[in-house]
PDB file of N, CA and C in Angstrom:
ATOM      1  N   MET A   1       0.999  -1.019   0.131  1.00  0.00           N
ATOM      2  CA  MET A   1      -0.202  -0.062  -0.329  1.00  0.00           C
ATOM      3  C   MET A   1       0.968   1.284   0.155  1.00  0.00           C
ATOM      4  N   LYS A   2       0.614   2.141  -1.039  1.00  0.00           N
ATOM      5  CA  LYS A   2       1.450   3.034  -1.258  1.00  0.00           C
ATOM      6  C   LYS A   2       0.687   4.184   0.215  1.00  0.00           C
ATOM      7  N   LYS A   3       1.904   5.283   0.125  1.00  0.00           N
ATOM      8  CA  LYS A   3       1.422   5.791   1.370  1.00  0.00           C
ATOM      9  C   LYS A   3       1.035   7.472   1.259  1.00  0.00           C
ATOM     10  N   ALA A   4       0.226   8.046   1.472  1.00  0.00           N
ATOM     11  CA  ALA A   4      -0.388   9.516   0.617  1.00  0.00           C
ATOM     12  C   ALA A   4       1.189  10.543   1.082  1.00  0.00           C
ATOM     13  N   LYS A   5       0.838  11.445   0.316  1.00  0.00           N
ATOM     14  CA  LYS A   5       2.363  12.273   0.733  1.00  0.00           C
ATOM     15  C   LYS A   5       1.546  13.341   1.529  1.00  0.00           C
ATOM     16  N   MET A   6       2.002  13.590   2.308  1.00  0.00           N
ATOM     17  CA  MET A   6       1.497  14.767   3.525  1.00  0.00           C
ATOM     18  C   MET A   6       1.976  15.971   3.354  1.00  0.00           C
ATOM     19  N   ASN A   7       1.616  17.055   2.622  1.00  0.00           N
ATOM     20  CA  ASN A   7       1.558  18.141   2.684  1.00  0.00           C
ATOM     21  C   ASN A   7       1.080  19.557   3.853  1.00  0.00           C
ATOM     22  N   THR A   8       2.677  19.148   4.848  1.00  0.00           N
ATOM     23  CA  THR A   8       2.027  20.253   5.623  1.00  0.00           C
ATOM     24  C   THR A   8       2.210  21.680   5.518  1.00  0.00           C
ATOM     25  N   VAL A   9       2.768  22.006   4.698  1.00  0.00           N
ATOM     26  CA  VAL A   9       2.716  23.607   4.221  1.00  0.00           C
ATOM     27  C   VAL A   9       1.783  24.073   3.277  1.00  0.00           C
ATOM     28  N   ASP A  10       0.761  24.773   3.275  1.00  0.00           N
ATOM     29  CA  ASP A  10      -0.425  24.863   2.299  1.00  0.00           C
ATOM     30  C   ASP A  10       0.049  26.425   1.865  1.00  0.00           C
ATOM     31  N   PRO A  11       0.869  26.187   0.175  1.00  0.00           N
ATOM     32  CA  PRO A  11       1.728  27.134   0.022  1.00  0.00           C
ATOM     33  C   PRO A  11       0.349  27.905  -0.151  1.00  0.00           C
ATOM     34  N   SER A  12       0.216  29.483  -0.466  1.00  0.00           N
ATOM     35  CA  SER A  12      -0.543  30.140  -0.812  1.00  0.00           C
ATOM     36  C   SER A  12      -0.240  31.780  -0.860  1.00  0.00           C
ATOM     37  N   THR A  13      -0.129  32.328  -1.831  1.00  0.00           N
ATOM     38  CA  THR A  13      -0.355  33.717  -1.807  1.00  0.00           C
ATOM     39  C   THR A  13      -1.022  34.481  -1.364  1.00  0.00           C
ATOM     40  N   GLU A  14      -0.587  35.821  -0.678  1.00  0.00           N
ATOM     41  CA  GLU A  14      -1.526  36.787  -0.063  1.00  0.00           C
ATOM     42  C   GLU A  14      -1.760  37.920  -1.266  1.00  0.00           C
ATOM     43  N   ILE A  15      -2.730  38.782  -1.113  1.00  0.00           N
ATOM     44  CA  ILE A  15      -2.984  39.871  -1.552  1.00  0.00           C
ATOM     45  C   ILE A  15      -4.101  40.706  -0.623  1.00  0.00           C
ATOM     46  N   LYS A  16      -3.268  41.788  -0.761  1.00  0.00           N
ATOM     47  CA  LYS A  16      -3.739  42.616   0.670  1.00  0.00           C
ATOM     48  C   LYS A  16      -3.865  44.034   0.294  1.00  0.00           C
ATOM     49  N   THR A  17      -5.069  44.772   0.498  1.00  0.00           N
ATOM     50  CA  THR A  17      -5.310  46.200   0.280  1.00  0.00           C
ATOM     51  C   THR A  17      -5.818  46.992   1.468  1.00  0.00           C
ATOM     52  N   TYR A  18      -5.973  48.213   1.315  1.00  0.00           N
ATOM     53  CA  TYR A  18      -6.558  49.169   2.719  1.00  0.00           C
ATOM     54  C   TYR A  18      -7.717  49.804   1.572  1.00  0.00           C
ATOM     55  N   ALA A  19      -8.658  49.608   2.504  1.00  0.00           N
ATOM     56  CA  ALA A  19      -9.896  50.530   2.100  1.00  0.00           C
ATOM     57  C   ALA A  19     -11.184  50.388   3.269  1.00  0.00           C
ATOM     58  N   PRO A  20     -10.800  51.213   4.289  1.00  0.00           N
ATOM     59  CA  PRO A  20     -11.399  51.335   5.644  1.00  0.00           C
ATOM     60  C   PRO A  20     -12.959  51.693   5.728  1.00  0.00           C
ATOM     61  N   GLU A  21     -12.810  52.473   4.399  1.00  0.00           N
ATOM     62  CA  GLU A  21     -14.318  52.932   4.087  1.00  0.00           C
ATOM     63  C   GLU A  21     -15.496  51.786   3.368  1.00  0.00           C
ATOM     64  N   ALA A  22     -14.616  50.549   2.882  1.00  0.00           N
ATOM     65  CA  ALA A  22     -15.433  49.857   1.642  1.00  0.00           C
ATOM     66  C   ALA A  22     -16.150  49.180   2.668  1.00  0.00           C
ATOM     67  N   SER A  23     -17.371  48.887   1.908  1.00  0.00           N
ATOM     68  CA  SER A  23     -18.675  47.862   2.614  1.00  0.00           C
ATOM     69  C   SER A  23     -18.081  45.840   2.160  1.00  0.00           C
ATOM     70  N   ASP A  24     -17.600  46.640   0.535  1.00  0.00           N
ATOM     71  CA  ASP A  24     -17.356  45.239   0.276  1.00  0.00           C
ATOM     72  C   ASP A  24     -16.103  45.273  -0.857  1.00  0.00           C
ATOM     73  N   VAL A  25     -15.191  43.934  -0.908  1.00  0.00           N
ATOM     74  CA  VAL A  25     -13.822  43.877  -1.928  1.00  0.00           C
ATOM     75  C   VAL A  25     -13.884  42.452  -2.166  1.00  0.00           C
ATOM     76  N   PHE A  26     -13.681  42.721  -3.490  1.00  0.00           N
ATOM     77  CA  PHE A  26     -13.580  41.512  -4.227  1.00  0.00           C
ATOM     78  C   PHE A  26     -12.494  41.468  -5.256  1.00  0.00           C
ATOM     79  N   LEU A  27     -11.657  40.518  -5.486  1.00  0.00           N
ATOM     80  CA  LEU A  27     -10.585  40.375  -5.884  1.00  0.00           C
ATOM     81  C   LEU A  27     -10.897  39.790  -7.332  1.00  0.00           C
ATOM     82  N   ALA A  28     -10.355  40.753  -8.442  1.00  0.00           N
ATOM     83  CA  ALA A  28     -10.360  39.926  -9.461  1.00  0.00           C
ATOM     84  C   ALA A  28      -9.178  39.841 -10.606  1.00  0.00           C
ATOM     85  N   GLY A  29      -8.763  38.991 -11.537  1.00  0.00           N
ATOM     86  CA  GLY A  29      -7.663  38.714 -12.536  1.00  0.00           C
ATOM     87  C   GLY A  29      -7.669  37.774 -13.096  1.00  0.00           C
ATOM     88  N   THR A  30      -6.565  37.556 -13.676  1.00  0.00           N
ATOM     89  CA  THR A  30      -6.217  36.638 -14.712  1.00  0.00           C
ATOM     90  C   THR A  30      -6.606  34.703 -14.086  1.00  0.00           C
ATOM     91  N   PHE A  31      -6.347  35.156 -12.759  1.00  0.00           N
ATOM     92  CA  PHE A  31      -6.384  33.818 -12.382  1.00  0.00           C
ATOM     93  C   PHE A  31      -7.727  33.227 -11.917  1.00  0.00           C
ATOM     94  N   ASN A  32      -9.065  34.170 -12.036  1.00  0.00           N
ATOM     95  CA  ASN A  32     -10.467  33.854 -11.979  1.00  0.00           C
ATOM     96  C   ASN A  32     -11.233  34.369 -13.317  1.00  0.00           C
ATOM     97  N   ASP A  33     -10.647  34.752 -14.299  1.00  0.00           N
ATOM     98  CA  ASP A  33     -11.066  35.171 -15.571  1.00  0.00           C
ATOM     99  C   ASP A  33     -11.886  36.519 -15.257  1.00  0.00           C
ATOM    100  N   TRP A  34     -11.170  37.455 -14.665  1.00  0.00           N
ATOM    101  CA  TRP A  34     -11.717  38.695 -14.289  1.00  0.00           C
ATOM    102  C   TRP A  34     -13.091  38.708 -13.767  1.00  0.00           C
ATOM    103  N   ASN A  35     -13.633  37.788 -12.997  1.00  0.00           N
ATOM    104  CA  ASN A  35     -14.486  37.623 -12.180  1.00  0.00           C
ATOM    105  C   ASN A  35     -15.149  38.469 -11.284  1.00  0.00           C
ATOM    106  N   PRO A  36     -15.748  39.590 -11.152  1.00  0.00           N
ATOM    107  CA  PRO A  36     -15.467  40.145 -10.196  1.00  0.00           C
ATOM    108  C   PRO A  36     -16.302  40.027  -8.526  1.00  0.00           C
ATOM    109  N   ALA A  37     -16.770  38.862  -8.611  1.00  0.00           N
ATOM    110  CA  ALA A  37     -17.756  38.420  -7.384  1.00  0.00           C
ATOM    111  C   ALA A  37     -17.377  36.817  -7.376  1.00  0.00           C
ATOM    112  N   SER A  38     -16.550  36.542  -7.695  1.00  0.00           N
ATOM    113  CA  SER A  38     -16.162  35.017  -7.534  1.00  0.00           C
ATOM    114  C   SER A  38     -14.880  34.998  -6.103  1.00  0.00           C
ATOM    115  N   ILE A  39     -14.065  36.158  -5.813  1.00  0.00           N
ATOM    116  CA  ILE A  39     -13.354  36.024  -4.697  1.00  0.00           C
ATOM    117  C   ILE A  39     -13.635  37.402  -3.649  1.00  0.00           C
ATOM    118  N   ARG A  40     -14.573  36.886  -2.461  1.00  0.00           N
ATOM    119  CA  ARG A  40     -14.558  37.761  -1.383  1.00  0.00           C
ATOM    120  C   ARG A  40     -13.606  37.995  -0.651  1.00  0.00           C
ATOM    121  N   MET A  41     -12.928  39.269  -0.412  1.00  0.00           N
ATOM    122  CA  MET A  41     -11.797  39.311   0.607  1.00  0.00           C
ATOM    123  C   MET A  41     -12.449  39.590   1.867  1.00  0.00           C
ATOM    124  N   GLU A  42     -11.396  39.289   2.735  1.00  0.00           N
ATOM    125  CA  GLU A  42     -11.785  39.238   4.267  1.00  0.00           C
ATOM    126  C   GLU A  42     -11.439  40.424   4.706  1.00  0.00           C
ATOM    127  N   ARG A  43     -12.150  41.493   5.633  1.00  0.00           N
ATOM    128  CA  ARG A  43     -11.731  42.557   6.165  1.00  0.00           C
ATOM    129  C   ARG A  43     -11.454  42.577   7.141  1.00  0.00           C
ATOM    130  N   GLU A  44      -9.915  42.998   7.809  1.00  0.00           N
ATOM    131  CA  GLU A  44      -9.208  42.850   9.418  1.00  0.00           C
ATOM    132  C   GLU A  44      -9.395  44.211  10.001  1.00  0.00           C
ATOM    133  N   PRO A  45      -8.598  43.788  11.094  1.00  0.00           N
ATOM    134  CA  PRO A  45      -9.595  44.979  12.354  1.00  0.00           C
ATOM    135  C   PRO A  45      -9.005  46.617  11.713  1.00  0.00           C
ATOM    136  N   ASP A  46      -7.907  46.447  11.327  1.00  0.00           N
ATOM    137  CA  ASP A  46      -7.040  47.394  10.994  1.00  0.00           C
ATOM    138  C   ASP A  46      -7.821  48.470   9.490  1.00  0.00           C
ATOM    139  N   GLY A  47      -8.935  47.999   8.985  1.00  0.00           N
ATOM    140  CA  GLY A  47      -9.498  48.190   7.552  1.00  0.00           C
ATOM    141  C   GLY A  47      -9.007  47.730   6.328  1.00  0.00           C
ATOM    142  N   SER A  48      -8.210  46.994   6.618  1.00  0.00           N
ATOM    143  CA  SER A  48      -7.459  46.535   5.183  1.00  0.00           C
ATOM    144  C   SER A  48      -8.280  45.163   5.279  1.00  0.00           C
ATOM    145  N   TRP A  49      -7.928  44.514   3.951  1.00  0.00           N
ATOM    146  CA  TRP A  49      -8.533  43.663   3.133  1.00  0.00           C
ATOM    147  C   TRP A  49      -7.865  42.297   2.582  1.00  0.00           C
ATOM    148  N   ILE A  50      -7.893  40.923   2.640  1.00  0.00           N
ATOM    149  CA  ILE A  50      -6.957  40.222   2.429  1.00  0.00           C
ATOM    150  C   ILE A  50      -7.616  39.169   1.527  1.00  0.00           C
ATOM    151  N   ALA A  51      -6.942  38.345   1.043  1.00  0.00           N
ATOM    152  CA  ALA A  51      -7.527  37.124   0.409  1.00  0.00           C
ATOM    153  C   ALA A  51      -6.354  35.970   0.024  1.00  0.00           C
ATOM    154  N   LYS A  52      -6.489  35.308   0.539  1.00  0.00           N
ATOM    155  CA  LYS A  52      -5.235  34.092   0.311  1.00  0.00           C
ATOM    156  C   LYS A  52      -5.270  32.842  -0.899  1.00  0.00           C
ATOM    157  N   LEU A  53      -4.942  32.868  -1.952  1.00  0.00           N
ATOM    158  CA  LEU A  53      -5.104  32.272  -3.033  1.00  0.00           C
ATOM    159  C   LEU A  53      -4.043  30.854  -3.310  1.00  0.00           C
ATOM    160  N   LYS A  54      -4.194  30.051  -4.054  1.00  0.00           N
ATOM    161  CA  LYS A  54      -3.194  29.270  -4.324  1.00  0.00           C
ATOM    162  C   LYS A  54      -3.302  29.607  -5.941  1.00  0.00           C
ATOM    163  N   LEU A  55      -2.279  30.052  -6.304  1.00  0.00           N
ATOM    164  CA  LEU A  55      -1.611  30.470  -7.566  1.00  0.00           C
ATOM    165  C   LEU A  55      -0.619  29.989  -8.613  1.00  0.00           C
ATOM    166  N   ALA A  56      -1.086  29.652  -9.459  1.00  0.00           N
ATOM    167  CA  ALA A  56       0.022  29.156 -10.735  1.00  0.00           C
ATOM    168  C   ALA A  56       1.420  29.485 -10.405  1.00  0.00           C
ATOM    169  N   PRO A  57       2.320  29.301 -10.651  1.00  0.00           N
ATOM    170  CA  PRO A  57       3.933  29.885 -11.117  1.00  0.00           C
ATOM    171  C   PRO A  57       3.322  31.237 -11.926  1.00  0.00           C
ATOM    172  N   GLY A  58       4.096  32.061 -12.064  1.00  0.00           N
ATOM    173  CA  GLY A  58       4.496  32.866 -13.037  1.00  0.00           C
ATOM    174  C   GLY A  58       3.587  34.339 -12.799  1.00  0.00           C
ATOM    175  N   GLN A  59       3.189  35.104 -14.121  1.00  0.00           N
ATOM    176  CA  GLN A  59       3.018  36.473 -13.546  1.00  0.00           C
ATOM    177  C   GLN A  59       1.264  36.442 -13.932  1.00  0.00           C
ATOM    178  N   HIS A  60       0.617  37.335 -12.746  1.00  0.00           N
ATOM    179  CA  HIS A  60      -0.591  37.313 -12.938  1.00  0.00           C
ATOM    180  C   HIS A  60      -0.692  38.632 -12.456  1.00  0.00           C
ATOM    181  N   GLU A  61      -2.273  39.451 -13.363  1.00  0.00           N
ATOM    182  CA  GLU A  61      -2.966  40.647 -13.569  1.00  0.00           C
ATOM    183  C   GLU A  61      -3.621  40.369 -12.378  1.00  0.00           C
ATOM    184  N   TYR A  62      -4.335  41.974 -11.678  1.00  0.00           N
ATOM    185  CA  TYR A  62      -5.366  41.543 -11.045  1.00  0.00           C
ATOM    186  C   TYR A  62      -5.874  43.011 -10.588  1.00  0.00           C
ATOM    187  N   LYS A  63      -7.674  43.268 -10.105  1.00  0.00           N
ATOM    188  CA  LYS A  63      -7.709  44.408  -9.773  1.00  0.00           C
ATOM    189  C   LYS A  63      -8.779  44.226  -8.696  1.00  0.00           C
ATOM    190  N   PHE A  64      -9.160  45.359  -7.960  1.00  0.00           N
ATOM    191  CA  PHE A  64     -10.005  45.082  -6.774  1.00  0.00           C
ATOM    192  C   PHE A  64     -11.267  45.558  -7.629  1.00  0.00           C
ATOM    193  N   PHE A  65     -12.392  45.581  -6.608  1.00  0.00           N
ATOM    194  CA  PHE A  65     -13.868  45.448  -7.050  1.00  0.00           C
ATOM    195  C   PHE A  65     -14.401  45.941  -5.881  1.00  0.00           C
ATOM    196  N   VAL A  66     -14.155  47.206  -5.404  1.00  0.00           N
ATOM    197  CA  VAL A  66     -14.908  48.045  -4.065  1.00  0.00           C
ATOM    198  C   VAL A  66     -15.693  48.294  -4.484  1.00  0.00           C
ATOM    199  N   ASP A  67     -16.862  48.034  -3.544  1.00  0.00           N
ATOM    200  CA  ASP A  67     -18.270  48.659  -3.506  1.00  0.00           C
ATOM    201  C   ASP A  67     -19.119  49.260  -5.321  1.00  0.00           C
ATOM    202  N   GLY A  68     -18.297  47.788  -5.832  1.00  0.00           N
ATOM    203  CA  GLY A  68     -19.407  47.838  -7.266  1.00  0.00           C
ATOM    204  C   GLY A  68     -18.439  48.279  -8.447  1.00  0.00           C
ATOM    205  N   CYS A  69     -17.161  49.344  -7.694  1.00  0.00           N
ATOM    206  CA  CYS A  69     -16.414  49.879  -8.705  1.00  0.00           C
ATOM    207  C   CYS A  69     -15.124  49.332  -8.944  1.00  0.00           C
ATOM    208  N   TRP A  70     -14.699  49.082  -9.933  1.00  0.00           N
ATOM    209  CA  TRP A  70     -13.066  48.902 -10.152  1.00  0.00           C
ATOM    210  C   TRP A  70     -11.888  49.466 -10.121  1.00  0.00           C
ATOM    211  N   CYS A  71     -10.902  49.118  -9.203  1.00  0.00           N
ATOM    212  CA  CYS A  71      -9.873  49.970  -9.108  1.00  0.00           C
ATOM    213  C   CYS A  71      -8.482  48.974  -8.674  1.00  0.00           C
ATOM    214  N   CYS A  72      -7.430  49.745  -8.848  1.00  0.00           N
ATOM    215  CA  CYS A  72      -5.644  49.201  -8.752  1.00  0.00           C
ATOM    216  C   CYS A  72      -5.629  49.318  -7.171  1.00  0.00           C
ATOM    217  N   ASP A  73      -5.900  50.857  -6.765  1.00  0.00           N
ATOM    218  CA  ASP A  73      -5.474  51.216  -5.544  1.00  0.00           C
ATOM    219  C   ASP A  73      -6.882  51.489  -4.753  1.00  0.00           C
ATOM    220  N   PRO A  74      -7.685  51.219  -3.972  1.00  0.00           N
ATOM    221  CA  PRO A  74      -8.463  51.954  -3.122  1.00  0.00           C
ATOM    222  C   PRO A  74      -8.472  53.175  -2.714  1.00  0.00           C
ATOM    223  N   GLY A  75      -8.787  54.360  -2.723  1.00  0.00           N
ATOM    224  CA  GLY A  75      -8.326  55.458  -2.721  1.00  0.00           C
ATOM    225  C   GLY A  75      -7.425  56.464  -3.258  1.00  0.00           C
ATOM    226  N   GLY A  76      -6.645  55.693  -4.006  1.00  0.00           N
ATOM    227  CA  GLY A  76      -6.474  56.026  -4.920  1.00  0.00           C
ATOM    228  C   GLY A  76      -6.393  56.477  -6.473  1.00  0.00           C
ATOM    229  N   SER A  77      -5.486  57.292  -7.102  1.00  0.00           N
ATOM    230  CA  SER A  77      -5.696  57.566  -8.639  1.00  0.00           C
ATOM    231  C   SER A  77      -4.905  57.097  -9.634  1.00  0.00           C
ATOM    232  N   GLU A  78      -5.765  57.071 -10.753  1.00  0.00           N
ATOM    233  CA  GLU A  78      -4.181  56.192 -11.825  1.00  0.00           C
ATOM    234  C   GLU A  78      -4.307  57.451 -12.151  1.00  0.00           C
ATOM    235  N   SER A  79      -2.781  57.426 -12.625  1.00  0.00           N
ATOM    236  CA  SER A  79      -2.162  58.612 -13.458  1.00  0.00           C
ATOM    237  C   SER A  79      -1.843  58.408 -14.478  1.00  0.00           C
ATOM    238  N   ALA A  80      -1.007  58.668 -15.735  1.00  0.00           N
ATOM    239  CA  ALA A  80      -1.021  58.526 -16.981  1.00  0.00           C
ATOM    240  C   ALA A  80       0.249  57.631 -16.982  1.00  0.00           C
ATOM    241  N   GLU A  81       1.384  57.683 -15.928  1.00  0.00           N
ATOM    242  CA  GLU A  81       2.371  57.030 -15.623  1.00  0.00           C
ATOM    243  C   GLU A  81       2.329  55.174 -15.221  1.00  0.00           C
ATOM    244  N   VAL A  82       3.013  54.759 -15.724  1.00  0.00           N
ATOM    245  CA  VAL A  82       2.886  53.230 -15.044  1.00  0.00           C
ATOM    246  C   VAL A  82       3.742  52.899 -13.862  1.00  0.00           C
ATOM    247  N   PRO A  83       3.668  53.085 -12.934  1.00  0.00           N
ATOM    248  CA  PRO A  83       4.614  52.312 -11.540  1.00  0.00           C
ATOM    249  C   PRO A  83       4.430  51.285 -11.590  1.00  0.00           C
ATOM    250  N   ALA A  84       5.801  50.767 -10.850  1.00  0.00           N
ATOM    251  CA  ALA A  84       6.314  49.656 -11.186  1.00  0.00           C
ATOM    252  C   ALA A  84       5.419  48.796 -10.128  1.00  0.00           C
ATOM    253  N   GLY A  85       5.398  47.726 -10.592  1.00  0.00           N
ATOM    254  CA  GLY A  85       4.233  46.861 -10.170  1.00  0.00           C
ATOM    255  C   GLY A  85       2.582  46.644 -10.599  1.00  0.00           C
ATOM    256  N   TYR A  86       2.637  47.695 -11.476  1.00  0.00           N
ATOM    257  CA  TYR A  86       1.840  47.794 -12.989  1.00  0.00           C
ATOM    258  C   TYR A  86       1.736  47.833 -14.111  1.00  0.00           C
ATOM    259  N   VAL A  87       0.826  47.100 -14.949  1.00  0.00           N
ATOM    260  CA  VAL A  87       0.580  47.239 -16.063  1.00  0.00           C
ATOM    261  C   VAL A  87      -0.569  48.166 -16.855  1.00  0.00           C
ATOM    262  N   GLN A  88      -0.420  48.625 -17.806  1.00  0.00           N
ATOM    263  CA  GLN A  88      -1.407  49.006 -18.436  1.00  0.00           C
ATOM    264  C   GLN A  88      -2.395  47.944 -19.080  1.00  0.00           C
ATOM    265  N   ASN A  89      -3.868  48.319 -19.502  1.00  0.00           N
ATOM    266  CA  ASN A  89      -4.609  47.587 -19.698  1.00  0.00           C
ATOM    267  C   ASN A  89      -5.005  47.891 -21.127  1.00  0.00           C
ATOM    268  N   ALA A  90      -6.050  47.274 -21.817  1.00  0.00           N
ATOM    269  CA  ALA A  90      -6.314  47.388 -23.112  1.00  0.00           C
ATOM    270  C   ALA A  90      -7.748  48.574 -22.952  1.00  0.00           C
ATOM    271  N   PHE A  91      -8.165  48.531 -21.767  1.00  0.00           N
ATOM    272  CA  PHE A  91      -9.123  49.429 -21.649  1.00  0.00           C
ATOM    273  C   PHE A  91      -8.248  51.392 -21.138  1.00  0.00           C
ATOM    274  N   GLY A  92      -7.384  51.094 -21.312  1.00  0.00           N
ATOM    275  CA  GLY A  92      -6.464  52.402 -21.100  1.00  0.00           C
ATOM    276  C   GLY A  92      -6.511  52.528 -19.162  1.00  0.00           C
ATOM    277  N   THR A  93      -6.303  51.642 -18.780  1.00  0.00           N
ATOM    278  CA  THR A  93      -6.394  51.834 -17.222  1.00  0.00           C
ATOM    279  C   THR A  93      -4.920  50.525 -16.593  1.00  0.00           C
ATOM    280  N   LEU A  94      -4.955  50.636 -15.361  1.00  0.00           N
ATOM    281  CA  LEU A  94      -3.697  49.720 -14.819  1.00  0.00           C
ATOM    282  C   LEU A  94      -4.633  48.506 -14.048  1.00  0.00           C
ATOM    283  N   ASN A  95      -3.726  47.594 -14.446  1.00  0.00           N
ATOM    284  CA  ASN A  95      -3.802  46.276 -13.167  1.00  0.00           C
ATOM    285  C   ASN A  95      -2.743  46.012 -12.583  1.00  0.00           C
ATOM    286  N   ARG A  96      -2.477  45.875 -11.527  1.00  0.00           N
ATOM    287  CA  ARG A  96      -1.728  45.255 -10.767  1.00  0.00           C
ATOM    288  C   ARG A  96      -1.126  44.247 -11.284  1.00  0.00           C
ATOM    289  N   ILE A  97       0.427  43.730 -10.662  1.00  0.00           N
ATOM    290  CA  ILE A  97       0.957  42.613 -10.982  1.00  0.00           C
ATOM    291  C   ILE A  97       1.733  41.949 -10.011  1.00  0.00           C
ATOM    292  N   ILE A  98       1.184  40.634  -9.775  1.00  0.00           N
ATOM    293  CA  ILE A  98       1.978  39.633  -8.998  1.00  0.00           C
ATOM    294  C   ILE A  98       2.582  38.800  -9.306  1.00  0.00           C
ATOM    295  N   HIS A  99       3.832  38.472  -9.010  1.00  0.00           N
ATOM    296  CA  HIS A  99       4.944  37.562  -9.466  1.00  0.00           C
ATOM    297  C   HIS A  99       4.944  35.984  -8.633  1.00  0.00           C
ATOM    298  N   VAL A 100       4.336  34.541  -8.997  1.00  0.00           N
ATOM    299  CA  VAL A 100       4.726  33.687  -7.995  1.00  0.00           C
ATOM    300  C   VAL A 100       5.493  33.212  -8.770  1.00  0.00           C
ATOM    301  N   SER A 101       6.094  32.797  -7.671  1.00  0.00           N
ATOM    302  CA  SER A 101       7.700  31.740  -8.164  1.00  0.00           C
ATOM    303  C   SER A 101       7.471  30.585  -7.738  1.00  0.00           C
ATOM    304  N   ASP A 102       8.296  29.353  -8.510  1.00  0.00           N
ATOM    305  CA  ASP A 102       7.997  28.186  -8.379  1.00  0.00           C
ATOM    306  C   ASP A 102       7.728  28.065  -6.888  1.00  0.00           C
TER     307      ASP A 102
END
């Protein structure tokens, strides 16, 4: 009889944002076909929101869906420049990026 291989560490990627005034924050990206309702983030006591996901290695793009509105940075504004950690999308706005290593 083969022994089942036990994985004692549950590798996950943590994505967090700060939106203390938000009622609902969802996470959408290339990892869930940009579905704005499939990953509800959990509110932390300090007003931040967190989601823990198992993501495949590689680069993933994402945005937040905060109280029915798409944004990269709740409470921030999008500028014409593309800062580090962001990419421009086909709609002329920005997406955030995360790199997951092997």
